[in-house]
Protein backbone atom coordinates (compact mmCIF):
# COMPACT_ATOMS: atom_id res chain seq x y z
CA MET A 1 -3.91 -21.27 24.11
CA ALA A 2 -1.99 -19.37 26.71
CA SER A 3 -3.14 -16.26 28.45
CA ARG A 4 -2.33 -12.66 28.34
CA THR A 5 0.19 -13.04 31.27
CA ILE A 6 1.83 -15.86 30.39
CA GLU A 7 2.57 -15.09 27.13
CA ASN A 8 3.72 -11.50 29.02
CA TYR A 9 6.52 -13.96 31.34
CA LEU A 10 7.41 -16.20 28.60
CA LYS A 11 8.30 -12.80 26.52
CA GLN A 12 9.79 -11.22 29.31
CA ILE A 13 12.00 -14.70 30.52
CA TYR A 14 13.01 -14.59 26.88
CA LEU A 15 13.64 -10.95 26.30
CA SER A 16 16.13 -11.31 30.26
CA ARG A 17 17.56 -14.37 29.92
CA PRO A 18 21.54 -14.69 29.99
CA ALA A 19 23.94 -14.73 27.22
CA ASP A 20 24.02 -17.53 28.27
CA GLU A 21 21.01 -19.52 27.09
CA THR A 22 22.31 -22.43 29.57
CA GLN A 23 22.25 -20.42 32.37
CA TRP A 24 19.11 -19.14 34.81
CA LEU A 25 17.61 -16.20 34.07
CA THR A 26 17.03 -14.59 38.25
CA MET A 27 14.02 -13.93 39.88
CA GLY A 28 15.06 -10.96 41.56
CA LYS A 29 15.84 -10.05 37.72
CA LEU A 30 12.69 -11.32 36.28
CA SER A 31 10.13 -9.86 38.99
CA THR A 32 11.62 -6.47 37.75
CA ALA A 33 11.88 -7.18 34.12
CA VAL A 34 7.90 -7.88 35.14
CA GLY A 35 7.07 -4.88 37.42
CA VAL A 36 6.09 -6.99 40.31
CA THR A 37 7.40 -8.30 43.75
CA PRO A 38 9.59 -11.73 43.77
CA GLY A 39 7.04 -13.02 45.32
CA THR A 40 3.88 -12.95 42.76
CA ALA A 41 6.85 -13.20 39.83
CA THR A 42 7.74 -16.80 41.48
CA SER A 43 4.26 -17.83 42.37
CA MET A 44 3.45 -17.03 38.02
CA VAL A 45 6.72 -19.18 36.86
CA ARG A 46 5.82 -22.33 39.50
CA ALA A 47 2.00 -22.02 37.42
CA ILE A 48 3.91 -22.08 34.49
CA SER A 49 6.30 -24.58 35.04
CA ASP A 50 3.11 -27.21 35.45
CA ALA A 51 2.04 -26.37 31.91
CA HIS A 52 5.91 -27.35 30.58
CA LEU A 53 6.76 -24.11 28.74
CA VAL A 54 9.39 -23.13 31.61
CA GLU A 55 11.74 -24.80 34.15
CA TYR A 56 12.30 -24.36 37.58
CA GLU A 57 15.16 -24.14 40.09
CA PRO A 58 13.99 -22.18 43.75
CA ARG A 59 18.13 -21.47 44.32
CA ALA A 60 18.41 -20.55 40.50
CA GLY A 61 15.89 -19.50 38.98
CA VAL A 62 14.12 -20.02 35.23
CA ARG A 63 14.69 -20.19 31.92
CA LEU A 64 12.44 -21.97 29.37
CA THR A 65 11.72 -24.91 27.16
CA PRO A 66 11.95 -25.08 23.37
CA ALA A 67 8.18 -24.63 23.83
CA GLY A 68 8.20 -22.33 25.81
CA GLU A 69 10.99 -20.62 24.11
CA GLN A 70 9.02 -21.51 20.64
CA LEU A 71 5.23 -19.07 22.22
CA ALA A 72 8.18 -16.82 23.23
CA LEU A 73 9.29 -16.27 20.18
CA HIS A 74 5.60 -15.87 18.36
CA VAL A 75 4.59 -13.41 20.74
CA LEU A 76 7.82 -11.37 19.89
CA ARG A 77 7.09 -11.88 16.16
CA ARG A 78 3.16 -10.30 16.62
CA HIS A 79 4.73 -7.80 18.39
CA ARG A 80 7.19 -6.45 16.27
CA LEU A 81 5.12 -6.58 13.23
CA ILE A 82 2.00 -4.66 15.42
CA GLU A 83 4.67 -2.42 15.75
CA LEU A 84 6.29 -1.93 12.29
CA LEU A 85 2.60 -1.93 10.82
CA LEU A 86 1.81 1.19 13.07
CA VAL A 87 4.26 3.32 12.20
CA GLN A 88 5.09 2.27 7.77
CA VAL A 89 0.90 1.57 7.41
CA LEU A 90 -0.97 3.80 9.69
CA GLY A 91 1.72 6.16 10.22
CA LEU A 92 1.77 6.45 14.23
CA ASP A 93 4.84 7.54 15.05
CA TRP A 94 8.06 4.91 16.48
CA SER A 95 8.16 6.52 20.28
CA GLU A 96 4.31 5.46 20.43
CA VAL A 97 3.53 1.91 19.04
CA HIS A 98 5.85 -0.29 21.91
CA GLU A 99 2.51 0.72 24.04
CA GLU A 100 0.18 -0.22 21.15
CA ALA A 101 1.47 -3.60 20.06
CA GLU A 102 1.84 -4.45 23.79
CA GLU A 103 -2.20 -4.55 23.37
CA LEU A 104 -2.21 -5.96 20.43
CA GLU A 105 0.08 -9.04 20.76
CA HIS A 106 -2.50 -10.71 22.10
CA VAL A 107 -5.25 -10.59 20.46
CA VAL A 108 -3.52 -11.28 16.52
CA SER A 109 -4.95 -14.49 15.12
CA ASP A 110 -2.37 -16.51 12.96
CA ARG A 111 -4.34 -15.97 9.70
CA LEU A 112 -4.04 -11.81 10.04
CA LEU A 113 -0.14 -12.35 11.33
CA ALA A 114 0.17 -13.68 8.19
CA ARG A 115 -1.46 -11.12 6.26
CA ILE A 116 0.23 -8.20 7.69
CA ASP A 117 3.27 -9.65 6.81
CA GLU A 118 2.91 -10.44 3.18
CA ILE A 119 1.64 -6.15 3.84
CA LEU A 120 4.75 -5.66 4.73
CA HIS A 121 6.64 -7.98 2.21
CA HIS A 122 7.98 -10.13 5.24
CA PRO A 123 9.64 -7.41 7.18
CA ALA A 124 13.00 -8.76 8.30
CA PHE A 125 13.35 -6.00 11.58
CA ASP A 126 10.53 -3.91 13.53
CA PRO A 127 11.27 -0.42 13.43
CA HIS A 128 14.51 0.05 16.13
CA GLY A 129 16.15 -2.19 14.42
CA ASP A 130 14.91 -5.62 16.52
CA PRO A 131 14.81 -8.88 14.30
CA ILE A 132 11.25 -10.16 13.90
CA PRO A 133 11.09 -14.04 14.37
CA THR A 134 10.36 -16.07 11.06
CA ALA A 135 6.93 -17.82 11.20
CA GLY A 136 9.49 -21.38 12.31
CA GLY A 137 10.74 -19.01 15.03
CA VAL A 138 13.92 -18.13 14.01
CA VAL A 139 15.83 -15.49 15.66
CA ARG A 140 18.20 -13.18 12.35
CA ARG A 141 21.51 -12.96 14.17
CA GLN A 142 22.65 -9.25 13.97
CA ASP A 143 26.41 -8.77 14.00
CA CYS A 144 26.45 -5.37 15.72
CA CYS A 145 28.67 -4.04 18.57
CA THR A 146 28.01 -0.94 20.72
CA LEU A 147 28.99 2.81 20.56
CA LEU A 148 31.93 1.82 23.06
CA ASP A 149 32.80 -0.90 21.34
CA CYS A 150 33.52 -0.39 17.59
CA PRO A 151 36.33 0.81 15.77
CA LEU A 152 36.94 4.84 15.83
CA GLY A 153 36.66 6.72 12.29
CA GLU A 154 34.90 3.29 10.42
CA PRO A 155 32.16 3.99 8.75
CA THR A 156 29.38 2.18 10.13
CA SER A 157 24.99 2.43 10.33
CA ILE A 158 22.92 2.20 13.86
CA ALA A 159 21.36 -0.77 13.83
CA ARG A 160 19.67 -1.32 16.74
CA ILE A 161 18.28 0.90 19.47
CA LEU A 162 18.01 -1.22 22.61
CA ASP A 163 16.33 1.36 24.54
CA GLN A 164 12.77 2.12 24.00
CA SER A 165 10.96 4.35 25.79
CA ALA A 166 9.04 7.44 23.76
CA GLU A 167 11.68 9.43 25.88
CA PHE A 168 14.53 8.39 24.42
CA LEU A 169 12.99 7.00 21.12
CA GLN A 170 12.01 10.98 20.67
CA TYR A 171 15.31 12.53 21.72
CA VAL A 172 16.87 9.44 18.68
CA ASN A 173 14.76 10.82 17.01
CA GLN A 174 15.88 14.23 17.15
CA CYS A 175 18.91 13.85 16.37
CA GLY A 176 18.62 12.07 13.30
CA LEU A 177 19.93 8.67 14.25
CA LEU A 178 17.51 6.18 13.40
CA PRO A 179 18.50 2.21 12.37
CA GLY A 180 20.53 3.12 9.13
CA ALA A 181 22.05 6.16 9.56
CA GLU A 182 25.26 5.90 8.89
CA ILE A 183 27.52 7.42 11.24
CA ARG A 184 31.08 7.44 12.32
CA VAL A 185 32.62 7.37 16.52
CA ALA A 186 35.41 10.31 16.04
CA SER A 187 36.46 9.72 19.54
CA ARG A 188 36.29 8.79 23.27
CA ASN A 189 37.15 10.61 26.42
CA HIS A 190 37.36 7.79 28.78
CA GLN A 191 37.57 10.46 31.30
CA ALA A 192 33.95 12.69 30.66
CA GLN A 193 32.87 8.98 29.66
CA THR A 194 31.77 10.67 26.05
CA VAL A 195 31.60 9.64 22.61
CA GLU A 196 31.81 12.25 19.81
CA LEU A 197 30.40 11.24 16.55
CA MET A 198 29.87 12.19 13.31
CA ALA A 199 26.28 11.52 11.53
CA ILE A 200 26.91 12.14 7.96
CA LYS A 201 24.10 12.94 6.17
CA PRO A 202 23.69 14.33 2.46
CA GLY A 203 25.74 17.06 1.45
CA GLU A 204 26.87 17.18 5.18
CA THR A 205 28.20 15.89 8.55
CA GLN A 206 26.99 16.40 12.03
CA VAL A 207 28.27 16.20 15.28
CA GLU A 208 27.19 14.78 17.93
CA ALA A 209 27.66 14.89 21.91
CA MET A 210 26.67 11.96 24.28
CA SER A 211 27.73 10.50 26.96
CA PHE A 212 28.81 6.75 27.96
CA SER A 213 25.22 5.27 29.18
CA VAL A 214 23.40 6.94 26.21
CA ALA A 215 26.38 5.23 23.81
CA GLU A 216 25.86 1.73 24.86
CA LYS A 217 21.71 2.03 23.71
CA PHE A 218 23.07 2.04 20.76
CA LEU A 219 24.20 -0.74 18.10
CA VAL A 220 26.07 -0.42 15.00
CA GLN A 221 27.49 -2.52 11.78
CA LEU A 222 30.19 -1.99 10.10
CA ASN A 223 29.63 -0.90 6.65
CA GLU A 224 31.97 -2.34 4.07
CA ARG A 225 34.56 0.00 2.27
CA LYS A 226 33.81 0.93 -0.90
CA LYS A 227 36.75 -0.48 -3.39
């Protein structure tokens, strides 16, 4: 069984990997993601490579082997199912559950995880809109774009929140821009670097303005037009 440290490294390598999965993740980026010095990250990656969970090249970086990717996805599955359990069943605020899940993801047995999945009716996404890998290690693909890329005036729904710090999630709560919320991007001002959107709620339309740096943290999906 992999140690807590190895599981954390594999998870961060998976989450930080380049969009082109054939490319290498640099050690600088990995050390930043894990929160250690590059030398410490390199030493750990070398040890993990001995277990054939990653490939490591000194001048290129690191990438997961198939076995390493499956283990990383299993850790992510545990983490995201636990987050959903903490929110839906135990009633914790979604801005608080990440740290709790970070601790619990390493101690939950496969048997207990299967029961959690059953109780939650085999969910596809966690409270923040992140896809929950299946037991077989399959990640559901989302056809999403950010608030900076989606068409103006088109009906869309918030699908995923990329910044899951407690402060940002509290801001999202205050604005009512939770996953599933229906919105339209009304305008983008490239000079001021701001986005204006309309949040569509029953009986009202709320106008919200935000900076480009905030807008890129929301992923949205286009809604099908009603015929």
